[in-house]
N, C-alpha and C. Protein backbone atom coordinates (compact mmCIF):
# COMPACT_ATOMS: atom_id res chain seq x y z
N MET A 1 -6.94 15.48 -11.01
CA MET A 1 -7.08 14.69 -9.98
C MET A 1 -8.32 14.73 -9.05
N GLY A 2 -8.89 13.42 -9.21
CA GLY A 2 -10.18 13.30 -8.46
C GLY A 2 -9.93 13.08 -7.17
N PRO A 3 -11.11 12.66 -6.11
CA PRO A 3 -10.92 12.66 -4.94
C PRO A 3 -10.36 11.58 -4.22
N ILE A 4 -10.29 10.65 -4.80
CA ILE A 4 -9.70 9.39 -4.30
C ILE A 4 -8.44 9.35 -4.72
N ALA A 5 -7.93 9.87 -5.78
CA ALA A 5 -6.41 9.99 -6.02
C ALA A 5 -6.04 11.07 -5.16
N LYS A 6 -6.60 11.87 -5.08
CA LYS A 6 -5.78 13.19 -4.17
C LYS A 6 -5.56 12.67 -2.56
N PHE A 7 -6.99 12.01 -2.10
CA PHE A 7 -6.68 11.62 -0.74
C PHE A 7 -5.42 10.56 -0.74
N LEU A 8 -5.55 9.59 -1.27
CA LEU A 8 -4.61 8.64 -1.44
C LEU A 8 -3.35 9.16 -1.45
N HIS A 9 -3.12 10.28 -2.58
CA HIS A 9 -1.71 10.25 -2.98
C HIS A 9 -1.24 11.39 -2.01
N ASP A 10 -2.02 12.30 -1.42
CA ASP A 10 -2.03 12.98 -0.02
C ASP A 10 -1.21 12.41 1.06
N ASP A 11 -1.64 11.19 1.46
CA ASP A 11 -1.26 10.19 2.08
C ASP A 11 0.00 9.52 1.72
N HIS A 12 0.25 9.20 0.54
CA HIS A 12 1.70 8.88 -0.10
C HIS A 12 2.90 9.97 0.63
N ARG A 13 2.13 11.21 0.23
CA ARG A 13 3.37 12.05 0.26
C ARG A 13 3.41 12.52 2.02
N ARG A 14 2.68 12.26 2.63
CA ARG A 14 2.60 12.30 4.32
C ARG A 14 3.62 11.41 4.65
N LEU A 15 3.50 9.94 4.13
CA LEU A 15 4.08 9.04 4.53
C LEU A 15 5.44 9.03 4.22
N GLU A 16 5.70 9.73 3.20
CA GLU A 16 7.21 9.61 2.63
C GLU A 16 8.17 10.97 3.36
N ALA A 17 7.35 11.83 3.85
CA ALA A 17 7.98 12.69 4.52
C ALA A 17 8.00 12.21 5.95
N LEU A 18 7.29 11.48 6.63
CA LEU A 18 7.61 10.63 7.82
C LEU A 18 8.87 9.90 7.64
N LEU A 19 8.90 9.22 6.67
CA LEU A 19 10.21 8.41 6.29
C LEU A 19 11.25 9.26 6.29
N ASN A 20 11.00 10.32 5.63
CA ASN A 20 12.22 10.97 5.21
C ASN A 20 13.14 11.74 6.52
N ARG A 21 12.18 12.30 7.54
CA ARG A 21 12.43 13.06 8.61
C ARG A 21 12.95 12.10 10.03
N GLY A 22 12.71 10.60 9.68
CA GLY A 22 13.15 9.70 10.69
C GLY A 22 12.15 9.25 11.62
N ASP A 23 10.91 9.47 11.55
CA ASP A 23 9.41 9.20 12.17
C ASP A 23 9.15 8.06 12.11
N TYR A 24 10.26 7.07 12.11
CA TYR A 24 9.63 5.44 11.47
C TYR A 24 8.23 5.07 12.38
N GLU A 25 7.99 5.31 13.59
CA GLU A 25 7.24 4.65 14.22
C GLU A 25 5.87 5.02 13.65
N GLU A 26 5.93 6.35 13.56
CA GLU A 26 4.35 7.05 13.10
C GLU A 26 4.28 6.49 11.19
N PHE A 27 5.61 6.49 10.45
CA PHE A 27 5.25 6.13 9.28
C PHE A 27 4.78 4.59 9.32
N ARG A 28 5.49 3.69 10.29
CA ARG A 28 5.07 2.22 10.17
C ARG A 28 3.56 2.45 10.47
N GLU A 29 3.00 3.09 11.28
CA GLU A 29 1.53 2.83 11.84
C GLU A 29 0.54 3.30 10.49
N GLY A 30 1.42 4.41 9.99
CA GLY A 30 0.29 5.25 8.99
C GLY A 30 0.44 4.15 7.64
N LEU A 31 1.66 3.64 7.34
CA LEU A 31 1.91 2.62 6.10
C LEU A 31 1.11 1.63 6.08
N LEU A 32 0.76 0.93 7.65
CA LEU A 32 -0.10 -0.30 7.69
C LEU A 32 -1.44 0.38 7.72
N ARG A 33 -1.87 1.46 8.00
CA ARG A 33 -3.37 2.00 7.87
C ARG A 33 -3.38 2.21 6.24
N HIS A 34 -2.67 2.47 5.86
CA HIS A 34 -2.46 3.10 4.10
C HIS A 34 -3.05 1.73 3.33
N ILE A 35 -2.06 0.64 3.72
CA ILE A 35 -2.21 -0.69 3.25
C ILE A 35 -4.13 -1.21 3.67
N ALA A 36 -4.29 -1.08 4.65
CA ALA A 36 -5.62 -1.34 5.14
C ALA A 36 -6.53 -0.82 4.30
N MET A 37 -6.55 0.48 3.97
CA MET A 37 -7.59 1.25 3.51
C MET A 37 -7.69 0.67 1.83
N GLU A 38 -6.33 0.23 1.31
CA GLU A 38 -6.42 -0.40 -0.29
C GLU A 38 -6.99 -1.87 -0.26
N GLU A 39 -6.36 -2.65 1.06
CA GLU A 39 -6.74 -3.99 0.80
C GLU A 39 -8.33 -3.85 1.09
N LYS A 40 -8.66 -3.50 2.12
CA LYS A 40 -10.16 -3.73 2.99
C LYS A 40 -11.31 -2.78 2.25
N VAL A 41 -10.82 -1.85 1.38
CA VAL A 41 -11.82 -1.06 1.11
C VAL A 41 -11.56 -0.77 -0.44
N LEU A 42 -10.65 -0.05 -0.92
CA LEU A 42 -10.59 0.16 -2.54
C LEU A 42 -10.19 -1.14 -3.26
N LEU A 43 -9.67 -1.89 -3.14
CA LEU A 43 -9.65 -3.09 -4.00
C LEU A 43 -10.77 -4.22 -4.06
N PRO A 44 -11.43 -4.33 -2.87
CA PRO A 44 -12.84 -4.73 -2.90
C PRO A 44 -13.89 -4.07 -3.74
N ALA A 45 -13.76 -2.60 -3.54
CA ALA A 45 -15.01 -1.90 -4.34
C ALA A 45 -14.60 -1.83 -5.85
N ALA A 46 -13.16 -1.80 -6.05
CA ALA A 46 -12.98 -1.71 -7.39
C ALA A 46 -13.37 -3.21 -8.40
N LYS A 47 -13.10 -4.43 -7.47
CA LYS A 47 -13.61 -5.59 -7.77
C LYS A 47 -14.97 -5.52 -7.74
N ARG A 48 -15.80 -4.93 -7.35
CA ARG A 48 -17.45 -4.99 -7.17
C ARG A 48 -17.89 -4.01 -8.37
N TYR A 49 -17.02 -2.96 -8.41
CA TYR A 49 -17.39 -1.99 -9.58
C TYR A 49 -17.11 -2.71 -11.05
N ASN A 50 -16.03 -3.48 -11.08
CA ASN A 50 -15.84 -4.15 -12.12
C ASN A 50 -16.57 -5.59 -12.42
N GLY A 51 -17.79 -5.81 -11.99
CA GLY A 51 -18.35 -6.91 -12.24
C GLY A 51 -17.65 -8.35 -11.77
N GLY A 52 -17.04 -7.88 -10.37
CA GLY A 52 -16.60 -9.14 -9.92
C GLY A 52 -15.25 -9.47 -10.02
N GLU A 53 -14.41 -8.91 -10.73
CA GLU A 53 -13.31 -9.01 -11.66
C GLU A 53 -12.47 -8.42 -11.04
N PRO A 54 -11.41 -8.82 -10.46
CA PRO A 54 -10.04 -7.96 -10.11
C PRO A 54 -9.35 -7.11 -10.89
N LEU A 55 -9.12 -6.00 -10.54
CA LEU A 55 -8.22 -5.29 -11.51
C LEU A 55 -7.00 -5.76 -11.87
N SER A 56 -6.48 -5.56 -13.25
CA SER A 56 -5.24 -6.37 -13.74
C SER A 56 -4.26 -5.99 -12.64
N VAL A 57 -3.96 -5.32 -11.85
CA VAL A 57 -2.97 -4.46 -11.39
C VAL A 57 -3.20 -5.17 -9.66
N ALA A 58 -4.30 -5.65 -9.41
CA ALA A 58 -4.52 -5.83 -8.00
C ALA A 58 -3.42 -7.19 -7.81
N ALA A 59 -3.22 -8.01 -8.03
CA ALA A 59 -2.28 -9.04 -7.88
C ALA A 59 -0.66 -8.37 -7.49
N GLN A 60 -0.46 -7.82 -8.07
CA GLN A 60 0.94 -7.08 -7.82
C GLN A 60 0.76 -6.38 -7.06
N LEU A 61 -0.35 -5.52 -6.56
CA LEU A 61 -0.12 -4.44 -5.59
C LEU A 61 -0.34 -5.34 -4.36
N ARG A 62 -1.10 -6.53 -4.35
CA ARG A 62 -1.22 -7.26 -3.07
C ARG A 62 0.15 -8.07 -2.59
N LEU A 63 0.81 -8.53 -3.51
CA LEU A 63 2.25 -8.98 -3.65
C LEU A 63 3.12 -7.58 -2.94
N ASP A 64 3.11 -6.34 -3.44
CA ASP A 64 3.90 -5.53 -2.96
C ASP A 64 3.57 -5.34 -1.42
N HIS A 65 1.85 -5.04 -1.22
CA HIS A 65 1.75 -5.13 0.26
C HIS A 65 1.96 -6.05 1.26
N SER A 66 2.14 -7.37 0.83
CA SER A 66 2.66 -8.41 1.50
C SER A 66 4.05 -8.02 1.94
N ALA A 67 4.90 -8.09 0.87
CA ALA A 67 6.55 -7.14 1.10
C ALA A 67 6.57 -6.42 1.66
N ILE A 68 5.62 -5.40 1.85
CA ILE A 68 5.77 -4.15 2.52
C ILE A 68 5.56 -4.26 3.90
N ALA A 69 4.40 -4.81 4.40
CA ALA A 69 4.17 -5.29 5.72
C ALA A 69 5.31 -5.99 6.47
N ALA A 70 5.55 -7.18 5.69
CA ALA A 70 6.79 -7.84 6.20
C ALA A 70 7.72 -6.90 6.75
N LEU A 71 8.60 -5.98 5.67
CA LEU A 71 9.11 -5.17 6.08
C LEU A 71 9.32 -4.47 7.22
N LEU A 72 8.25 -4.05 7.58
CA LEU A 72 7.72 -3.64 8.66
C LEU A 72 7.89 -4.15 10.05
N VAL A 73 7.92 -5.31 10.02
CA VAL A 73 8.22 -6.41 11.43
C VAL A 73 9.50 -6.38 11.93
N PRO A 74 10.45 -6.09 11.40
CA PRO A 74 11.74 -6.06 12.30
C PRO A 74 12.04 -4.84 12.48
N THR A 75 12.91 -4.60 13.55
CA THR A 75 13.39 -3.56 13.94
C THR A 75 13.99 -2.76 12.51
N PRO A 76 14.04 -1.67 12.44
CA PRO A 76 14.30 -0.91 10.99
C PRO A 76 15.98 -0.55 11.13
N THR A 77 16.54 -0.86 9.83
CA THR A 77 18.18 -1.03 9.94
C THR A 77 18.25 -0.17 8.62
N PRO A 78 19.30 0.54 8.23
CA PRO A 78 19.58 0.94 7.04
C PRO A 78 19.06 0.12 5.85
N ALA A 79 19.26 -1.61 5.86
CA ALA A 79 18.92 -2.13 4.66
C ALA A 79 17.54 -2.48 4.32
N ILE A 80 16.93 -2.23 5.84
CA ILE A 80 15.41 -2.47 5.76
C ILE A 80 14.68 -1.24 5.25
N LEU A 81 15.47 0.10 5.67
CA LEU A 81 15.02 1.22 5.07
C LEU A 81 15.20 1.44 3.51
N GLN A 82 16.22 0.79 3.11
CA GLN A 82 16.44 1.11 1.72
C GLN A 82 15.30 0.09 0.91
N GLN A 83 15.22 -1.11 1.49
CA GLN A 83 14.29 -2.29 0.52
C GLN A 83 13.15 -1.43 0.54
N LEU A 84 12.89 -0.67 1.74
CA LEU A 84 11.30 -0.35 1.84
C LEU A 84 11.12 0.92 0.80
N ARG A 85 12.26 1.69 0.60
CA ARG A 85 12.10 2.77 -0.01
C ARG A 85 12.26 2.37 -1.71
N GLU A 86 12.88 1.44 -2.06
CA GLU A 86 12.95 0.51 -3.17
C GLU A 86 11.64 0.31 -3.54
N ILE A 87 10.77 -0.69 -2.84
CA ILE A 87 9.76 -1.36 -3.12
C ILE A 87 8.67 -0.12 -3.19
N LEU A 88 8.87 0.83 -2.54
CA LEU A 88 7.64 2.04 -2.69
C LEU A 88 7.86 2.70 -3.87
N THR A 89 9.31 2.80 -4.43
CA THR A 89 9.37 3.84 -5.47
C THR A 89 8.61 2.83 -6.87
N LEU A 90 8.70 1.51 -6.75
CA LEU A 90 7.81 0.89 -7.67
C LEU A 90 6.72 0.58 -7.62
N HIS A 91 6.09 0.56 -6.43
CA HIS A 91 4.91 0.22 -5.89
C HIS A 91 4.26 1.55 -6.24
N ASN A 92 4.23 2.66 -5.97
CA ASN A 92 3.65 3.77 -5.63
C ASN A 92 2.81 4.34 -7.41
N PRO A 93 3.88 4.27 -8.40
CA PRO A 93 3.47 4.68 -9.67
C PRO A 93 2.41 3.70 -10.17
N LEU A 94 1.97 2.50 -9.50
CA LEU A 94 1.16 1.89 -9.88
C LEU A 94 -0.44 1.92 -9.43
N GLU A 95 -0.23 2.96 -8.45
CA GLU A 95 -1.49 3.43 -7.89
C GLU A 95 -1.76 4.73 -8.34
N GLU A 96 -0.88 6.02 -8.54
CA GLU A 96 -0.95 7.14 -8.84
C GLU A 96 -0.98 7.16 -10.26
N GLY A 97 -1.45 8.40 -10.98
CA GLY A 97 -1.56 8.64 -12.27
C GLY A 97 -2.40 8.31 -13.18
N GLU A 98 -2.74 8.98 -14.13
CA GLU A 98 -3.77 8.82 -15.27
C GLU A 98 -4.20 7.20 -15.32
N ARG A 99 -3.19 6.52 -15.45
CA ARG A 99 -3.44 4.80 -15.48
C ARG A 99 -3.07 4.19 -14.52
N GLY A 100 -3.03 4.46 -13.27
CA GLY A 100 -2.84 4.05 -11.64
C GLY A 100 -4.33 3.44 -11.09
N LEU A 101 -4.03 2.71 -10.19
CA LEU A 101 -5.24 2.15 -9.67
C LEU A 101 -6.36 3.31 -9.10
N TYR A 102 -5.79 4.28 -8.40
CA TYR A 102 -6.64 5.56 -7.99
C TYR A 102 -7.47 5.94 -9.15
N ALA A 103 -7.25 6.14 -10.11
CA ALA A 103 -7.89 7.03 -11.30
C ALA A 103 -8.62 5.90 -11.55
N GLU A 104 -8.22 4.91 -11.66
CA GLU A 104 -9.00 3.46 -12.11
C GLU A 104 -10.26 3.40 -11.63
N CYS A 105 -10.41 3.35 -10.27
CA CYS A 105 -10.93 3.57 -9.21
C CYS A 105 -11.97 4.38 -9.51
N GLU A 106 -11.61 5.50 -9.61
CA GLU A 106 -12.45 6.64 -9.90
C GLU A 106 -13.10 6.49 -10.92
N ARG A 107 -12.87 5.88 -11.88
CA ARG A 107 -13.66 5.51 -13.50
C ARG A 107 -14.72 4.59 -13.04
N LEU A 108 -14.30 3.48 -12.06
CA LEU A 108 -15.55 2.56 -11.98
C LEU A 108 -16.25 3.30 -11.19
N ALA A 109 -15.92 3.80 -9.93
CA ALA A 109 -16.95 4.26 -8.97
C ALA A 109 -18.00 5.09 -9.37
N GLY A 110 -17.84 5.93 -10.43
CA GLY A 110 -18.99 7.02 -10.82
C GLY A 110 -19.37 7.72 -9.51
N ALA A 111 -20.54 7.81 -9.56
CA ALA A 111 -21.53 8.44 -8.38
C ALA A 111 -21.27 7.89 -7.22
N GLU A 112 -20.50 7.32 -6.62
CA GLU A 112 -20.03 6.24 -5.32
C GLU A 112 -18.55 6.70 -5.29
N ILE A 113 -18.06 7.87 -5.92
CA ILE A 113 -16.89 8.28 -5.49
C ILE A 113 -16.58 8.90 -4.17
N ASP A 114 -17.35 9.90 -3.32
CA ASP A 114 -17.71 10.34 -2.32
C ASP A 114 -17.81 9.72 -1.28
N ALA A 115 -18.67 8.51 -1.17
CA ALA A 115 -18.66 7.78 -0.26
C ALA A 115 -17.77 6.61 -0.22
N LEU A 116 -16.98 6.26 -1.11
CA LEU A 116 -15.82 5.56 -1.20
C LEU A 116 -14.70 6.18 -0.48
N VAL A 117 -14.63 7.66 -0.74
CA VAL A 117 -13.70 8.52 -0.02
C VAL A 117 -14.00 8.46 1.87
N GLU A 118 -15.11 8.51 1.75
CA GLU A 118 -15.52 8.56 3.26
C GLU A 118 -15.20 7.17 3.68
N LYS A 119 -15.29 6.31 3.23
CA LYS A 119 -14.94 4.76 3.84
C LYS A 119 -13.62 5.03 3.76
N LEU A 120 -12.75 5.15 3.09
CA LEU A 120 -11.09 5.06 3.38
C LEU A 120 -10.96 5.84 4.51
N GLY A 121 -11.41 7.02 4.62
CA GLY A 121 -11.19 8.10 5.47
C GLY A 121 -11.29 7.43 7.07
N ALA A 122 -12.59 6.51 6.89
CA ALA A 122 -13.06 5.92 8.47
C ALA A 122 -12.17 4.65 8.80
N VAL A 123 -11.55 4.30 7.72
CA VAL A 123 -10.33 3.29 8.26
C VAL A 123 -9.53 3.36 9.67
N PRO A 124 -9.85 2.74 10.83
CA PRO A 124 -9.33 2.98 11.99
C PRO A 124 -7.67 2.52 11.78
N LYS A 125 -6.86 3.33 12.77
CA LYS A 125 -5.40 3.09 13.01
C LYS A 125 -5.40 1.69 13.24
N VAL A 126 -4.12 0.94 13.16
CA VAL A 126 -3.83 -0.19 12.48
C VAL A 126 -3.11 -0.41 14.16
N LYS A 127 -3.25 -1.78 15.07
CA LYS A 127 -2.64 -1.79 16.05
C LYS A 127 -1.45 -2.58 15.56
N VAL A 128 -0.56 -1.77 16.11
CA VAL A 128 0.97 -2.15 15.72
C VAL A 128 1.78 -2.93 16.89
N ALA A 129 1.86 -4.34 16.14
CA ALA A 129 3.02 -5.19 17.30
C ALA A 129 4.45 -4.88 17.48
N LYS A 130 5.17 -5.06 18.55
CA LYS A 130 6.16 -4.76 18.36
C LYS A 130 7.21 -5.35 17.50
N HIS A 131 8.31 -4.83 17.13
CA HIS A 131 9.28 -5.38 16.16
C HIS A 131 9.42 -7.11 16.75
N PHE A 132 9.97 -7.79 15.58
CA PHE A 132 10.37 -9.11 15.87
C PHE A 132 11.41 -9.15 14.83
N ASP A 133 12.64 -9.62 15.44
CA ASP A 133 13.88 -9.68 14.73
C ASP A 133 14.45 -11.30 14.55
N GLY A 134 13.73 -12.06 14.56
CA GLY A 134 13.80 -13.29 14.66
C GLY A 134 14.13 -13.81 13.29
N PRO A 135 14.62 -14.96 12.96
CA PRO A 135 15.02 -15.13 11.81
C PRO A 135 13.62 -15.52 10.61
N ARG A 136 12.48 -16.11 11.22
CA ARG A 136 11.41 -16.36 10.38
C ARG A 136 11.21 -14.95 9.81
N ALA A 137 11.43 -13.86 10.61
CA ALA A 137 11.00 -12.48 10.15
C ALA A 137 11.54 -12.26 8.68
N PHE A 138 12.86 -12.62 8.47
CA PHE A 138 13.63 -12.20 7.58
C PHE A 138 13.67 -13.00 6.31
N ALA A 139 13.27 -14.29 6.76
CA ALA A 139 13.21 -15.48 5.64
C ALA A 139 11.56 -14.91 4.90
N ALA A 140 10.64 -14.29 5.67
CA ALA A 140 9.25 -13.97 5.08
C ALA A 140 9.50 -13.18 4.35
N ILE A 141 10.44 -11.99 4.49
CA ILE A 141 10.64 -10.54 3.87
C ILE A 141 11.12 -11.38 2.58
N GLU A 142 12.17 -11.88 2.49
CA GLU A 142 13.14 -12.62 1.43
C GLU A 142 12.26 -13.27 0.54
N ASP A 143 11.42 -13.95 1.05
CA ASP A 143 10.11 -14.68 -0.31
C ASP A 143 9.15 -13.90 -0.61
N LEU A 144 8.65 -13.25 0.32
CA LEU A 144 7.95 -11.78 -0.35
C LEU A 144 8.38 -11.07 -1.25
N LEU A 145 9.56 -10.26 -0.70
CA LEU A 145 10.10 -9.30 -2.01
C LEU A 145 10.43 -10.38 -3.32
N ARG A 146 10.82 -11.71 -3.13
CA ARG A 146 11.35 -11.96 -4.45
C ARG A 146 9.84 -12.55 -4.93
N ALA A 147 8.89 -12.99 -4.43
CA ALA A 147 7.57 -13.06 -5.36
C ALA A 147 6.93 -11.60 -5.91
N ALA A 148 7.26 -10.50 -5.04
CA ALA A 148 6.75 -9.41 -5.82
C ALA A 148 7.66 -8.99 -6.95
N ARG A 149 9.03 -9.28 -6.83
CA ARG A 149 9.90 -9.05 -8.07
C ARG A 149 9.58 -9.67 -9.13
N ALA A 150 9.37 -11.18 -8.60
CA ALA A 150 8.97 -12.30 -9.95
C ALA A 150 7.88 -11.72 -10.73
N ALA A 151 6.92 -11.23 -10.25
CA ALA A 151 5.73 -10.77 -10.64
C ALA A 151 5.66 -9.64 -11.67
N ARG A 152 6.56 -8.85 -11.34
CA ARG A 152 6.86 -7.51 -11.88
C ARG A 152 7.69 -7.95 -13.36
N LYS A 153 8.46 -9.20 -13.54
CA LYS A 153 9.36 -9.64 -14.45
C LYS A 153 8.44 -10.35 -15.45
N LEU A 154 6.98 -10.52 -15.11
CA LEU A 154 6.26 -11.46 -15.86
C LEU A 154 5.57 -10.54 -17.19
């Protein structure tokens, strides 16, 4: 496992531990930061290294990230937690492993790997808004989950 994969894989395990022990607010903040690292640093770098073309997995990852972020908006309920676990179970393997996003980024980054890991680590904490439990939040969750699921079936 290279340095990008190790850094982000370790963060996945940290986030899983927070969720499993019920430290939801720290999990929420950490997961939003993790998504920011991938969306603002890793995916743009991969596109740049790939001659301006996004990686094939990028569209699914972005759909998943949108659905995950939407699930973090309302106050957590057992159903919300179950949906988060389900999408993360499908999502994380797209990033981890020999054929995942992280390994692909390492292959493409070459000598820039260490600088990329430094940029990932420098992403600041994300400001987290209060939970919102209005009907629009739940409608957005359903729409985004539907889109992420539909893309997987293609």
